[in-house]
Amino acid sequence: MMSKVKWAILIGFTVALLLFGSTLYSQYKPDPSLYGFPVPNLAVLTKEHNTGKNFEWSRASEENGIPFDYEMSLKLRGWKKGEREGAAVVYTKDQQVITLISQTDILNVLKTPLR
């Protein structure tokens, strides 16, 4: 039988996880033109072309890649992180492939043909 303290800790942890998960979902929204790949709500679209979109986003970094919460949001939505080559990381979900290029304050999301 669990004590009241253990129950309180368990409930507190559960609430924290739910809040964290809802925050991850609300900060990044799926873009239908990019196979539903989530993009940051605060990213500013700078260019759109037939293979993807370019954004200005202050949290993008060439050295560190994308922030942890963005990584978690992608993972929770079923996008699997693949190989990284320089600033580019490949993500896959079902038969869709996205190449995400994170540079200083710039995020490029590109639809990539299957290899």
N, C-alpha and C. Protein backbone atom coordinates (compact mmCIF):
# COMPACT_ATOMS: atom_id res chain seq x y z
N MET A 1 0.83 -1.18 0.00
CA MET A 1 0.00 0.00 0.00
C MET A 1 0.88 1.25 0.00
N MET A 2 0.55 2.20 -0.87
CA MET A 2 1.37 3.40 -0.98
C MET A 2 0.96 4.45 0.04
N SER A 3 1.96 5.13 0.55
CA SER A 3 1.68 6.21 1.50
C SER A 3 1.17 7.44 0.75
N LYS A 4 0.63 8.39 1.50
CA LYS A 4 0.11 9.62 0.90
C LYS A 4 1.20 10.41 0.20
N VAL A 5 2.40 10.39 0.76
CA VAL A 5 3.53 11.12 0.16
C VAL A 5 3.89 10.52 -1.20
N LYS A 6 3.94 9.20 -1.28
CA LYS A 6 4.26 8.54 -2.55
C LYS A 6 3.19 8.83 -3.59
N TRP A 7 1.91 8.83 -3.17
CA TRP A 7 0.82 9.15 -4.09
C TRP A 7 0.95 10.59 -4.59
N ALA A 8 1.27 11.50 -3.70
CA ALA A 8 1.42 12.92 -4.06
C ALA A 8 2.55 13.10 -5.06
N ILE A 9 3.65 12.39 -4.82
CA ILE A 9 4.80 12.47 -5.74
C ILE A 9 4.41 11.90 -7.11
N LEU A 10 3.73 10.77 -7.11
CA LEU A 10 3.30 10.13 -8.36
C LEU A 10 2.35 11.04 -9.15
N ILE A 11 1.39 11.62 -8.45
CA ILE A 11 0.44 12.52 -9.11
C ILE A 11 1.15 13.76 -9.63
N GLY A 12 2.05 14.33 -8.83
CA GLY A 12 2.81 15.50 -9.26
C GLY A 12 3.65 15.21 -10.50
N PHE A 13 4.30 14.06 -10.51
CA PHE A 13 5.11 13.66 -11.66
C PHE A 13 4.25 13.48 -12.91
N THR A 14 3.10 12.85 -12.74
CA THR A 14 2.19 12.63 -13.86
C THR A 14 1.69 13.96 -14.44
N VAL A 15 1.33 14.89 -13.57
CA VAL A 15 0.87 16.21 -14.03
C VAL A 15 2.00 16.93 -14.77
N ALA A 16 3.21 16.86 -14.23
CA ALA A 16 4.36 17.50 -14.89
C ALA A 16 4.59 16.92 -16.28
N LEU A 17 4.50 15.59 -16.41
CA LEU A 17 4.67 14.95 -17.72
C LEU A 17 3.59 15.39 -18.70
N LEU A 18 2.36 15.46 -18.23
CA LEU A 18 1.26 15.89 -19.09
C LEU A 18 1.46 17.34 -19.55
N LEU A 19 1.87 18.21 -18.65
CA LEU A 19 2.12 19.61 -19.02
C LEU A 19 3.27 19.72 -20.01
N PHE A 20 4.34 18.96 -19.77
CA PHE A 20 5.49 18.97 -20.68
C PHE A 20 5.07 18.47 -22.06
N GLY A 21 4.31 17.38 -22.10
CA GLY A 21 3.85 16.83 -23.38
C GLY A 21 2.95 17.79 -24.13
N SER A 22 2.04 18.45 -23.43
CA SER A 22 1.14 19.39 -24.11
C SER A 22 1.91 20.60 -24.61
N THR A 23 2.94 21.02 -23.89
CA THR A 23 3.77 22.13 -24.34
C THR A 23 4.51 21.75 -25.62
N LEU A 24 5.03 20.53 -25.66
CA LEU A 24 5.73 20.07 -26.87
C LEU A 24 4.80 20.09 -28.08
N TYR A 25 3.56 19.69 -27.88
CA TYR A 25 2.61 19.66 -28.98
C TYR A 25 2.19 21.06 -29.40
N SER A 26 2.10 21.98 -28.45
CA SER A 26 1.59 23.31 -28.80
C SER A 26 2.65 24.22 -29.41
N GLN A 27 3.93 23.97 -29.15
CA GLN A 27 4.99 24.83 -29.69
C GLN A 27 5.35 24.50 -31.13
N TYR A 28 4.98 23.33 -31.58
CA TYR A 28 5.35 22.87 -32.92
C TYR A 28 4.11 22.30 -33.59
N LYS A 29 3.79 22.82 -34.78
CA LYS A 29 2.59 22.31 -35.44
C LYS A 29 2.94 21.63 -36.77
N PRO A 30 2.25 20.55 -37.07
CA PRO A 30 2.50 19.82 -38.31
C PRO A 30 2.20 20.70 -39.53
N ASP A 31 3.08 20.64 -40.51
CA ASP A 31 2.89 21.39 -41.76
C ASP A 31 2.47 20.39 -42.84
N PRO A 32 1.22 20.49 -43.32
CA PRO A 32 0.72 19.53 -44.31
C PRO A 32 1.57 19.47 -45.59
N SER A 33 2.17 20.59 -45.98
CA SER A 33 2.97 20.59 -47.21
C SER A 33 4.33 19.94 -47.02
N LEU A 34 4.69 19.61 -45.76
CA LEU A 34 5.96 18.95 -45.45
C LEU A 34 5.70 17.57 -44.84
N TYR A 35 4.73 16.84 -45.39
CA TYR A 35 4.36 15.50 -44.90
C TYR A 35 3.88 15.54 -43.45
N GLY A 36 3.42 16.67 -42.98
CA GLY A 36 2.99 16.78 -41.59
C GLY A 36 4.14 16.94 -40.61
N PHE A 37 5.33 17.22 -41.11
CA PHE A 37 6.49 17.42 -40.24
C PHE A 37 6.27 18.67 -39.39
N PRO A 38 6.42 18.57 -38.07
CA PRO A 38 6.19 19.73 -37.21
C PRO A 38 7.24 20.83 -37.41
N VAL A 39 6.78 22.06 -37.44
CA VAL A 39 7.67 23.21 -37.50
C VAL A 39 7.35 24.13 -36.32
N PRO A 40 8.34 24.86 -35.83
CA PRO A 40 8.12 25.74 -34.69
C PRO A 40 7.10 26.84 -35.00
N ASN A 41 6.18 27.08 -34.09
CA ASN A 41 5.19 28.14 -34.27
C ASN A 41 5.85 29.52 -34.39
N LEU A 42 6.97 29.71 -33.71
CA LEU A 42 7.62 31.02 -33.71
C LEU A 42 8.61 31.21 -34.86
N ALA A 43 8.78 30.19 -35.69
CA ALA A 43 9.66 30.32 -36.85
C ALA A 43 8.98 31.18 -37.91
N VAL A 44 9.75 32.04 -38.55
CA VAL A 44 9.22 32.94 -39.58
C VAL A 44 9.61 32.39 -40.95
N LEU A 45 8.61 32.12 -41.77
CA LEU A 45 8.85 31.61 -43.11
C LEU A 45 9.57 32.67 -43.95
N THR A 46 10.72 32.31 -44.51
CA THR A 46 11.47 33.25 -45.35
C THR A 46 11.44 32.87 -46.82
N LYS A 47 11.25 31.57 -47.09
CA LYS A 47 11.22 31.13 -48.48
C LYS A 47 10.48 29.80 -48.55
N GLU A 48 9.66 29.68 -49.59
CA GLU A 48 8.94 28.43 -49.84
C GLU A 48 9.23 28.00 -51.26
N HIS A 49 9.56 26.74 -51.44
CA HIS A 49 9.84 26.21 -52.77
C HIS A 49 9.26 24.81 -52.88
N ASN A 50 9.35 24.21 -54.04
CA ASN A 50 8.69 22.91 -54.25
C ASN A 50 9.30 21.77 -53.43
N THR A 51 10.50 21.93 -52.94
CA THR A 51 11.12 20.87 -52.14
C THR A 51 11.10 21.14 -50.64
N GLY A 52 10.60 22.28 -50.21
CA GLY A 52 10.55 22.55 -48.78
C GLY A 52 10.37 24.01 -48.43
N LYS A 53 10.76 24.32 -47.20
CA LYS A 53 10.60 25.68 -46.69
C LYS A 53 11.82 26.08 -45.88
N ASN A 54 12.11 27.38 -45.90
CA ASN A 54 13.19 27.94 -45.10
C ASN A 54 12.58 28.88 -44.07
N PHE A 55 13.10 28.82 -42.85
CA PHE A 55 12.58 29.64 -41.76
C PHE A 55 13.70 30.38 -41.06
N GLU A 56 13.35 31.51 -40.49
CA GLU A 56 14.23 32.20 -39.56
C GLU A 56 13.72 31.82 -38.18
N TRP A 57 14.61 31.28 -37.34
CA TRP A 57 14.21 30.84 -36.00
C TRP A 57 15.39 30.98 -35.06
N SER A 58 15.24 31.78 -34.06
CA SER A 58 16.35 32.12 -33.17
C SER A 58 16.88 30.93 -32.37
N ARG A 59 16.13 29.86 -32.25
CA ARG A 59 16.57 28.70 -31.47
C ARG A 59 17.35 27.68 -32.30
N ALA A 60 17.47 27.92 -33.60
CA ALA A 60 18.24 27.01 -34.46
C ALA A 60 19.73 27.29 -34.29
N SER A 61 20.52 26.23 -34.33
CA SER A 61 21.96 26.37 -34.14
C SER A 61 22.70 25.37 -35.01
N GLU A 62 23.75 25.84 -35.65
CA GLU A 62 24.56 24.94 -36.47
C GLU A 62 25.38 24.01 -35.58
N GLU A 63 25.92 24.55 -34.50
CA GLU A 63 26.78 23.77 -33.61
C GLU A 63 25.98 22.76 -32.78
N ASN A 64 24.82 23.17 -32.27
CA ASN A 64 24.06 22.33 -31.35
C ASN A 64 22.82 21.69 -31.97
N GLY A 65 22.51 22.01 -33.21
CA GLY A 65 21.33 21.45 -33.85
C GLY A 65 20.06 22.12 -33.32
N ILE A 66 19.02 21.33 -33.19
CA ILE A 66 17.75 21.87 -32.71
C ILE A 66 17.64 21.64 -31.20
N PRO A 67 16.80 22.43 -30.52
CA PRO A 67 16.65 22.27 -29.07
C PRO A 67 16.03 20.93 -28.69
N PHE A 68 16.29 20.52 -27.44
CA PHE A 68 15.81 19.25 -26.91
C PHE A 68 14.30 19.12 -27.03
N ASP A 69 13.56 20.19 -26.72
CA ASP A 69 12.10 20.08 -26.76
C ASP A 69 11.59 19.86 -28.18
N TYR A 70 12.28 20.40 -29.18
CA TYR A 70 11.90 20.15 -30.57
C TYR A 70 12.17 18.69 -30.93
N GLU A 71 13.33 18.19 -30.50
CA GLU A 71 13.68 16.77 -30.71
C GLU A 71 12.59 15.86 -30.12
N MET A 72 12.17 16.18 -28.90
CA MET A 72 11.16 15.37 -28.23
C MET A 72 9.81 15.46 -28.94
N SER A 73 9.46 16.63 -29.43
CA SER A 73 8.21 16.80 -30.15
C SER A 73 8.20 15.94 -31.42
N LEU A 74 9.31 15.93 -32.14
CA LEU A 74 9.42 15.11 -33.35
C LEU A 74 9.29 13.62 -33.00
N LYS A 75 9.99 13.22 -31.95
CA LYS A 75 9.95 11.81 -31.53
C LYS A 75 8.54 11.40 -31.10
N LEU A 76 7.88 12.25 -30.32
CA LEU A 76 6.52 11.94 -29.87
C LEU A 76 5.54 11.81 -31.03
N ARG A 77 5.81 12.51 -32.13
CA ARG A 77 4.94 12.46 -33.29
C ARG A 77 5.35 11.36 -34.28
N GLY A 78 6.31 10.55 -33.90
CA GLY A 78 6.66 9.39 -34.71
C GLY A 78 7.77 9.60 -35.72
N TRP A 79 8.44 10.74 -35.70
CA TRP A 79 9.55 10.98 -36.63
C TRP A 79 10.82 10.39 -36.04
N LYS A 80 11.48 9.53 -36.81
CA LYS A 80 12.69 8.87 -36.35
C LYS A 80 13.92 9.59 -36.88
N LYS A 81 14.82 9.89 -35.96
CA LYS A 81 16.05 10.59 -36.31
C LYS A 81 17.03 9.60 -36.95
N GLY A 82 17.56 9.99 -38.09
CA GLY A 82 18.52 9.15 -38.79
C GLY A 82 19.91 9.75 -38.76
N GLU A 83 20.60 9.60 -39.85
CA GLU A 83 21.98 10.04 -39.92
C GLU A 83 22.10 11.57 -39.91
N ARG A 84 23.21 12.01 -39.37
CA ARG A 84 23.52 13.45 -39.36
C ARG A 84 24.79 13.66 -40.17
N GLU A 85 24.73 14.65 -41.03
CA GLU A 85 25.90 15.00 -41.83
C GLU A 85 26.06 16.51 -41.76
N GLY A 86 27.00 16.96 -40.96
CA GLY A 86 27.17 18.39 -40.76
C GLY A 86 25.97 18.96 -40.03
N ALA A 87 25.34 19.97 -40.63
CA ALA A 87 24.18 20.61 -40.02
C ALA A 87 22.87 19.93 -40.43
N ALA A 88 22.95 18.91 -41.27
CA ALA A 88 21.75 18.24 -41.79
C ALA A 88 21.47 16.93 -41.06
N VAL A 89 20.20 16.74 -40.69
CA VAL A 89 19.75 15.49 -40.05
C VAL A 89 18.55 14.97 -40.83
N VAL A 90 18.55 13.67 -41.09
CA VAL A 90 17.45 13.04 -41.82
C VAL A 90 16.45 12.47 -40.82
N TYR A 91 15.17 12.74 -41.06
CA TYR A 91 14.07 12.20 -40.24
C TYR A 91 13.15 11.41 -41.15
N THR A 92 12.64 10.28 -40.64
CA THR A 92 11.72 9.46 -41.43
C THR A 92 10.48 9.13 -40.61
N LYS A 93 9.38 8.99 -41.33
CA LYS A 93 8.13 8.53 -40.74
C LYS A 93 7.35 7.86 -41.87
N ASP A 94 7.00 6.61 -41.66
CA ASP A 94 6.36 5.82 -42.70
C ASP A 94 7.25 5.86 -43.95
N GLN A 95 6.74 6.33 -45.06
CA GLN A 95 7.54 6.41 -46.29
C GLN A 95 8.01 7.83 -46.59
N GLN A 96 7.84 8.75 -45.64
CA GLN A 96 8.26 10.13 -45.85
C GLN A 96 9.65 10.36 -45.26
N VAL A 97 10.41 11.19 -45.95
CA VAL A 97 11.75 11.54 -45.49
C VAL A 97 11.89 13.06 -45.52
N ILE A 98 12.39 13.61 -44.42
CA ILE A 98 12.63 15.04 -44.30
C ILE A 98 14.09 15.24 -43.94
N THR A 99 14.75 16.19 -44.58
CA THR A 99 16.08 16.60 -44.17
C THR A 99 15.93 17.94 -43.48
N LEU A 100 16.39 18.00 -42.24
CA LEU A 100 16.30 19.21 -41.44
C LEU A 100 17.70 19.79 -41.32
N ILE A 101 17.87 21.01 -41.78
CA ILE A 101 19.17 21.67 -41.72
C ILE A 101 19.06 22.82 -40.73
N SER A 102 19.82 22.73 -39.66
CA SER A 102 19.81 23.75 -38.62
C SER A 102 21.11 24.54 -38.68
N GLN A 103 20.98 25.83 -38.97
CA GLN A 103 22.12 26.72 -38.98
C GLN A 103 21.83 27.83 -37.98
N THR A 104 22.76 28.71 -37.73
CA THR A 104 22.54 29.78 -36.77
C THR A 104 21.35 30.62 -37.19
N ASP A 105 20.28 30.54 -36.41
CA ASP A 105 19.04 31.30 -36.61
C ASP A 105 18.29 30.93 -37.90
N ILE A 106 18.65 29.84 -38.56
CA ILE A 106 18.02 29.43 -39.81
C ILE A 106 17.66 27.94 -39.73
N LEU A 107 16.45 27.63 -40.15
CA LEU A 107 15.99 26.25 -40.16
C LEU A 107 15.44 25.95 -41.55
N ASN A 108 16.00 24.96 -42.23
CA ASN A 108 15.53 24.54 -43.54
C ASN A 108 14.91 23.15 -43.40
N VAL A 109 13.68 23.01 -43.89
CA VAL A 109 12.96 21.74 -43.83
C VAL A 109 12.71 21.31 -45.27
N LEU A 110 13.34 20.22 -45.67
CA LEU A 110 13.31 19.79 -47.07
C LEU A 110 12.70 18.41 -47.23
N LYS A 111 11.76 18.28 -48.16
CA LYS A 111 11.24 16.96 -48.51
C LYS A 111 12.33 16.25 -49.30
N THR A 112 12.61 15.02 -48.90
CA THR A 112 13.73 14.29 -49.49
C THR A 112 13.23 13.00 -50.10
N PRO A 113 13.64 12.69 -51.33
CA PRO A 113 13.23 11.42 -51.93
C PRO A 113 13.79 10.23 -51.16
N LEU A 114 13.06 9.12 -51.17
CA LEU A 114 13.55 7.89 -50.53
C LEU A 114 14.82 7.44 -51.22
N ARG A 115 15.72 6.90 -50.43
CA ARG A 115 16.99 6.43 -51.00
C ARG A 115 16.95 4.97 -51.26
